[in-house]
């Protein structure tokens, strides 16, 4: 199970390194949604952390106030 978690985290880190720098900074929360996803998966595991990350991404929209939000 840890290998799957590590693989998903590696994919997120790849996104952060290769794709994210070319996108406009638009996340309304701190930490960013991708950093939040990594922290949530490390803390809760892939299933619960993944659900928390998806919920966070859905909340990150122009109508959200944003702010500091840790998993």
Protein backbone atom coordinates (compact mmCIF):
# COMPACT_ATOMS: atom_id res chain seq x y z
CA UNK A 1 0.00 0.00 0.00
CA UNK A 2 2.86 2.39 0.76
CA UNK A 3 4.20 1.89 -2.76
CA UNK A 4 0.89 3.06 -4.21
CA UNK A 5 0.89 6.10 -1.91
CA UNK A 6 4.47 6.86 -2.96
CA UNK A 7 3.57 6.53 -6.63
CA UNK A 8 0.63 8.94 -6.32
CA UNK A 9 2.79 11.42 -4.40
CA UNK A 10 5.47 11.08 -7.08
CA UNK A 11 2.88 11.89 -9.76
CA UNK A 12 1.74 14.96 -7.81
CA UNK A 13 5.35 16.11 -7.37
CA UNK A 14 5.87 15.64 -11.13
CA UNK A 15 2.84 17.84 -11.78
CA UNK A 16 4.26 20.45 -9.41
CA UNK A 17 7.65 20.44 -11.12
CA UNK A 18 6.77 20.12 -14.80
CA UNK A 19 3.26 21.56 -15.29
CA UNK A 20 2.41 23.90 -12.42
CA UNK A 21 5.13 26.50 -13.15
CA UNK A 22 3.54 27.17 -16.54
CA UNK A 23 0.04 27.72 -15.14
CA UNK A 24 -1.15 31.00 -13.60
CA UNK A 25 -1.08 31.02 -9.80
CA UNK A 26 -4.73 30.84 -8.86
CA UNK A 27 -5.06 28.74 -5.71
CA UNK A 28 -7.02 30.60 -3.05
CA UNK A 29 -5.76 28.44 -0.20
CA UNK A 30 -2.50 27.93 1.60
CA UNK A 31 -0.96 25.41 1.19
CA UNK A 32 -1.68 25.00 -2.50
CA UNK A 33 -4.07 22.25 -3.52
CA UNK A 34 -1.29 19.95 -4.72
CA UNK A 35 0.70 20.41 -1.50
CA UNK A 36 -2.50 19.79 0.46
CA UNK A 37 -3.04 16.55 -1.48
CA UNK A 38 0.47 15.31 -0.65
CA UNK A 39 0.06 16.16 3.05
CA UNK A 40 -3.39 14.53 3.21
CA UNK A 41 -2.17 11.31 1.54
CA UNK A 42 0.85 11.15 3.86
CA UNK A 43 -1.32 11.72 6.92
CA UNK A 44 -4.48 9.72 6.14
CA UNK A 45 -3.50 7.32 3.37
CA UNK A 46 -4.60 7.18 -0.23
CA UNK A 47 -8.34 6.65 0.22
CA UNK A 48 -9.20 9.18 2.92
CA UNK A 49 -6.43 11.60 1.92
CA UNK A 50 -7.49 11.39 -1.71
CA UNK A 51 -11.09 12.16 -0.81
CA UNK A 52 -9.98 15.14 1.28
CA UNK A 53 -7.80 16.38 -1.62
CA UNK A 54 -10.64 16.08 -4.14
CA UNK A 55 -12.99 17.93 -1.79
CA UNK A 56 -10.36 20.66 -1.39
CA UNK A 57 -9.95 21.02 -5.16
CA UNK A 58 -13.72 21.34 -5.54
CA UNK A 59 -13.76 24.11 -2.93
CA UNK A 60 -10.98 26.06 -4.67
CA UNK A 61 -13.05 28.24 -6.98
CA UNK A 62 -13.56 31.96 -7.64
CA UNK A 63 -16.46 32.13 -5.17
CA UNK A 64 -14.41 30.78 -2.25
CA UNK A 65 -12.74 33.10 0.26
CA UNK A 66 -9.80 30.71 0.61
CA UNK A 67 -7.37 31.03 3.48
CA UNK A 68 -5.17 28.70 5.48
CA UNK A 69 -6.38 25.11 5.39
CA UNK A 70 -4.30 22.19 6.63
CA UNK A 71 -5.39 18.53 6.37
